[in-house]
C-alpha atoms as a PDB file:
ATOM      1  CA  UNK A   1     136.410  93.672  85.989  1.00  0.00           C
ATOM      2  CA  UNK A   2     136.013  90.014  85.031  1.00  0.00           C
ATOM      3  CA  UNK A   3     135.551  89.018  88.689  1.00  0.00           C
ATOM      4  CA  UNK A   4     132.714  91.511  89.114  1.00  0.00           C
ATOM      5  CA  UNK A   5     130.896  90.275  86.016  1.00  0.00           C
ATOM      6  CA  UNK A   6     131.085  86.683  87.271  1.00  0.00           C
ATOM      7  CA  UNK A   7     129.079  87.652  90.381  1.00  0.00           C
ATOM      8  CA  UNK A   8     126.444  89.572  88.407  1.00  0.00           C
ATOM      9  CA  UNK A   9     124.198  86.543  87.658  1.00  0.00           C
ATOM     10  CA  UNK A  10     124.308  85.551  91.329  1.00  0.00           C
ATOM     11  CA  UNK A  11     123.355  89.070  92.356  1.00  0.00           C
ATOM     12  CA  UNK A  12     120.449  89.090  89.897  1.00  0.00           C
ATOM     13  CA  UNK A  13     119.203  85.763  91.270  1.00  0.00           C
ATOM     14  CA  UNK A  14     119.427  87.030  94.861  1.00  0.00           C
ATOM     15  CA  UNK A  15     117.500  90.198  94.048  1.00  0.00           C
ATOM     16  CA  UNK A  16     114.848  88.176  92.196  1.00  0.00           C
ATOM     17  CA  UNK A  17     114.417  85.743  95.132  1.00  0.00           C
ATOM     18  CA  UNK A  18     114.103  88.601  97.632  1.00  0.00           C
ATOM     19  CA  UNK A  19     111.495  90.390  95.495  1.00  0.00           C
ATOM     20  CA  UNK A  20     109.416  87.240  94.999  1.00  0.00           C
ATOM     21  CA  UNK A  21     109.504  86.342  98.698  1.00  0.00           C
ATOM     22  CA  UNK A  22     108.536  89.912  99.683  1.00  0.00           C
ATOM     23  CA  UNK A  23     105.572  89.899  97.287  1.00  0.00           C
ATOM     24  CA  UNK A  24     104.348  86.501  98.471  1.00  0.00           C
ATOM     25  CA  UNK A  25     104.717  87.443 102.138  1.00  0.00           C
ATOM     26  CA  UNK A  26     102.898  90.759 101.646  1.00  0.00           C
ATOM     27  CA  UNK A  27      99.956  89.015  99.991  1.00  0.00           C
ATOM     28  CA  UNK A  28      99.870  86.412 102.752  1.00  0.00           C
ATOM     29  CA  UNK A  29     100.049  88.998 105.545  1.00  0.00           C
ATOM     30  CA  UNK A  30      97.155  91.010 104.145  1.00  0.00           C
ATOM     31  CA  UNK A  31      94.792  88.035 104.351  1.00  0.00           C
ATOM     32  CA  UNK A  32      93.361  86.511 107.469  1.00  0.00           C
ATOM     33  CA  UNK A  33      94.023  82.880 108.150  1.00  0.00           C
ATOM     34  CA  UNK A  34      91.020  81.766 110.179  1.00  0.00           C
ATOM     35  CA  UNK A  35      87.570  82.907 111.213  1.00  0.00           C
ATOM     36  CA  UNK A  36      85.353  80.846 113.502  1.00  0.00           C
ATOM     37  CA  UNK A  37      82.753  81.395 116.194  1.00  0.00           C
ATOM     38  CA  UNK A  38      82.348  80.098 119.714  1.00  0.00           C
ATOM     39  CA  UNK A  39      80.654  80.915 122.997  1.00  0.00           C
ATOM     40  CA  UNK A  40      82.491  82.647 125.809  1.00  0.00           C
ATOM     41  CA  UNK A  41      80.689  80.661 128.541  1.00  0.00           C
ATOM     42  CA  UNK A  42      78.215  83.427 129.389  1.00  0.00           C
ATOM     43  CA  UNK A  43      75.978  83.019 126.346  1.00  0.00           C
ATOM     44  CA  UNK A  44      77.770  85.816 124.445  1.00  0.00           C
ATOM     45  CA  UNK A  45      78.487  84.911 120.853  1.00  0.00           C
ATOM     46  CA  UNK A  46      82.061  85.675 119.737  1.00  0.00           C
ATOM     47  CA  UNK A  47      83.790  85.713 116.394  1.00  0.00           C
ATOM     48  CA  UNK A  48      87.550  85.201 116.276  1.00  0.00           C
ATOM     49  CA  UNK A  49      90.109  86.109 113.650  1.00  0.00           C
ATOM     50  CA  UNK A  50      93.745  85.050 113.383  1.00  0.00           C
ATOM     51  CA  UNK A  51      96.287  87.434 111.835  1.00  0.00           C
ATOM     52  CA  UNK A  52      99.977  86.822 111.186  1.00  0.00           C
ATOM     53  CA  UNK A  53     102.715  89.441 111.540  1.00  0.00           C
ATOM     54  CA  UNK A  54     105.876  88.508 109.633  1.00  0.00           C
ATOM     55  CA  UNK A  55     109.332  89.768 110.497  1.00  0.00           C
ATOM     56  CA  UNK A  56     112.565  89.753 108.501  1.00  0.00           C
ATOM     57  CA  UNK A  57     115.646  87.888 109.612  1.00  0.00           C
ATOM     58  CA  UNK A  58     119.344  88.313 109.092  1.00  0.00           C
ATOM     59  CA  UNK A  59     121.301  91.522 109.542  1.00  0.00           C
ATOM     60  CA  UNK A  60     118.598  93.634 107.844  1.00  0.00           C
ATOM     61  CA  UNK A  61     115.946  92.200 110.163  1.00  0.00           C
ATOM     62  CA  UNK A  62     118.097  92.694 113.246  1.00  0.00           C
ATOM     63  CA  UNK A  63     118.865  96.324 112.448  1.00  0.00           C
ATOM     64  CA  UNK A  64     115.879  97.505 110.432  1.00  0.00           C
ATOM     65  CA  UNK A  65     112.764  95.798 111.795  1.00  0.00           C
ATOM     66  CA  UNK A  66     110.954  97.046 114.874  1.00  0.00           C
ATOM     67  CA  UNK A  67     108.673  94.214 116.062  1.00  0.00           C
ATOM     68  CA  UNK A  68     106.814  96.475 118.493  1.00  0.00           C
ATOM     69  CA  UNK A  69     105.928  98.950 115.725  1.00  0.00           C
ATOM     70  CA  UNK A  70     104.679  96.169 113.427  1.00  0.00           C
ATOM     71  CA  UNK A  71     102.561  94.684 116.239  1.00  0.00           C
ATOM     72  CA  UNK A  72     101.124  98.087 117.192  1.00  0.00           C
ATOM     73  CA  UNK A  73     100.266  98.845 113.557  1.00  0.00           C
ATOM     74  CA  UNK A  74      98.340  95.602 113.068  1.00  0.00           C
ATOM     75  CA  UNK A  75      96.578  95.852 116.444  1.00  0.00           C
ATOM     76  CA  UNK A  76      95.521  99.462 115.789  1.00  0.00           C
ATOM     77  CA  UNK A  77      94.167  98.451 112.368  1.00  0.00           C
ATOM     78  CA  UNK A  78      92.015  95.704 113.859  1.00  0.00           C
ATOM     79  CA  UNK A  79      90.961  97.816 116.861  1.00  0.00           C
ATOM     80  CA  UNK A  80      89.650 100.459 114.464  1.00  0.00           C
ATOM     81  CA  UNK A  81      87.475  97.741 112.892  1.00  0.00           C
ATOM     82  CA  UNK A  82      86.078  96.740 116.301  1.00  0.00           C
ATOM     83  CA  UNK A  83      88.328  93.764 117.059  1.00  0.00           C
ATOM     84  CA  UNK A  84      90.054  93.225 120.429  1.00  0.00           C
ATOM     85  CA  UNK A  85      93.446  91.538 120.624  1.00  0.00           C
ATOM     86  CA  UNK A  86      92.914  88.449 122.750  1.00  0.00           C
ATOM     87  CA  UNK A  87      96.296  86.741 122.516  1.00  0.00           C
ATOM     88  CA  UNK A  88      99.757  87.266 121.000  1.00  0.00           C
ATOM     89  CA  UNK A  89     101.721  84.125 120.263  1.00  0.00           C
ATOM     90  CA  UNK A  90     105.274  83.922 118.829  1.00  0.00           C
ATOM     91  CA  UNK A  91     105.221  82.149 115.462  1.00  0.00           C
ATOM     92  CA  UNK A  92     108.173  79.942 114.673  1.00  0.00           C
ATOM     93  CA  UNK A  93     108.457  77.203 112.096  1.00  0.00           C
ATOM     94  CA  UNK A  94     109.051  73.552 112.877  1.00  0.00           C
ATOM     95  CA  UNK A  95     109.187  72.543 109.240  1.00  0.00           C
ATOM     96  CA  UNK A  96     112.642  71.256 108.319  1.00  0.00           C
ATOM     97  CA  UNK A  97     112.331  72.378 104.684  1.00  0.00           C
ATOM     98  CA  UNK A  98     111.485  75.957 105.723  1.00  0.00           C
ATOM     99  CA  UNK A  99     114.385  76.052 108.194  1.00  0.00           C
ATOM    100  CA  UNK A 100     116.814  74.834 105.509  1.00  0.00           C
ATOM    101  CA  UNK A 101     115.419  77.410 103.076  1.00  0.00           C
ATOM    102  CA  UNK A 102     115.994  80.161 105.671  1.00  0.00           C
ATOM    103  CA  UNK A 103     119.605  79.047 106.162  1.00  0.00           C
ATOM    104  CA  UNK A 104     120.103  78.828 102.380  1.00  0.00           C
ATOM    105  CA  UNK A 105     118.801  82.385 101.914  1.00  0.00           C
ATOM    106  CA  UNK A 106     121.102  83.618 104.695  1.00  0.00           C
ATOM    107  CA  UNK A 107     124.092  82.004 102.983  1.00  0.00           C
ATOM    108  CA  UNK A 108     123.128  83.312  99.524  1.00  0.00           C
ATOM    109  CA  UNK A 109     122.607  86.866 100.819  1.00  0.00           C
ATOM    110  CA  UNK A 110     125.785  86.700 102.947  1.00  0.00           C
ATOM    111  CA  UNK A 111     123.801  86.957 106.184  1.00  0.00           C
ATOM    112  CA  UNK A 112     121.894  90.062 105.158  1.00  0.00           C
ATOM    113  CA  UNK A 113     118.322  88.804 104.806  1.00  0.00           C
ATOM    114  CA  UNK A 114     115.995  85.869 105.235  1.00  0.00           C
ATOM    115  CA  UNK A 115     112.344  85.597 106.041  1.00  0.00           C
ATOM    116  CA  UNK A 116     112.018  85.312 109.749  1.00  0.00           C
ATOM    117  CA  UNK A 117     109.548  84.285 112.336  1.00  0.00           C
ATOM    118  CA  UNK A 118     106.804  86.562 113.530  1.00  0.00           C
ATOM    119  CA  UNK A 119     103.715  86.629 115.674  1.00  0.00           C
ATOM    120  CA  UNK A 120     100.228  85.182 115.514  1.00  0.00           C
ATOM    121  CA  UNK A 121      97.553  87.534 116.827  1.00  0.00           C
ATOM    122  CA  UNK A 122      94.165  86.252 117.909  1.00  0.00           C
ATOM    123  CA  UNK A 123      91.411  88.869 117.746  1.00  0.00           C
ATOM    124  CA  UNK A 124      87.853  88.554 118.993  1.00  0.00           C
ATOM    125  CA  UNK A 125      84.679  90.544 118.591  1.00  0.00           C
ATOM    126  CA  UNK A 126      81.223  90.250 120.131  1.00  0.00           C
ATOM    127  CA  UNK A 127      78.418  89.637 117.699  1.00  0.00           C
ATOM    128  CA  UNK A 128      74.764  90.059 118.540  1.00  0.00           C
ATOM    129  CA  UNK A 129      73.245  88.202 115.594  1.00  0.00           C
ATOM    130  CA  UNK A 130      74.428  85.781 112.953  1.00  0.00           C
ATOM    131  CA  UNK A 131      74.188  88.297 110.100  1.00  0.00           C
ATOM    132  CA  UNK A 132      77.288  90.155 111.339  1.00  0.00           C
ATOM    133  CA  UNK A 133      79.435  87.107 110.599  1.00  0.00           C
ATOM    134  CA  UNK A 134      78.741  87.313 106.869  1.00  0.00           C
ATOM    135  CA  UNK A 135      79.497  91.066 106.818  1.00  0.00           C
ATOM    136  CA  UNK A 136      83.028  90.700 108.284  1.00  0.00           C
END
């Protein structure tokens, strides 16, 4: 019984870290990272939007996350709003601190969970006048 109680604070810390990371990632995923306009070469005005799809890592991510379903869900959401998916790009981190944090979380959770990579989705939409940009 004493051995179990010695792991209880560690378990509480792990659960707290997972909950905080999930909340932060959910808030970040719901927002859009970038909106800008450009011309497509034929005089048609375009507006572009960048969305990020996050995936989980570790054993939970390998067994419980379906990347295709998450991509389809986000693309359908934006298609319903009139956006077309222009490009899908795998999103990986090159930041050493983030990579070490991922490894640390894997070790702490005994390989069960870490925040993983994901995808960046570039959406575009035709706009006919400049007033549509402020509405979106």
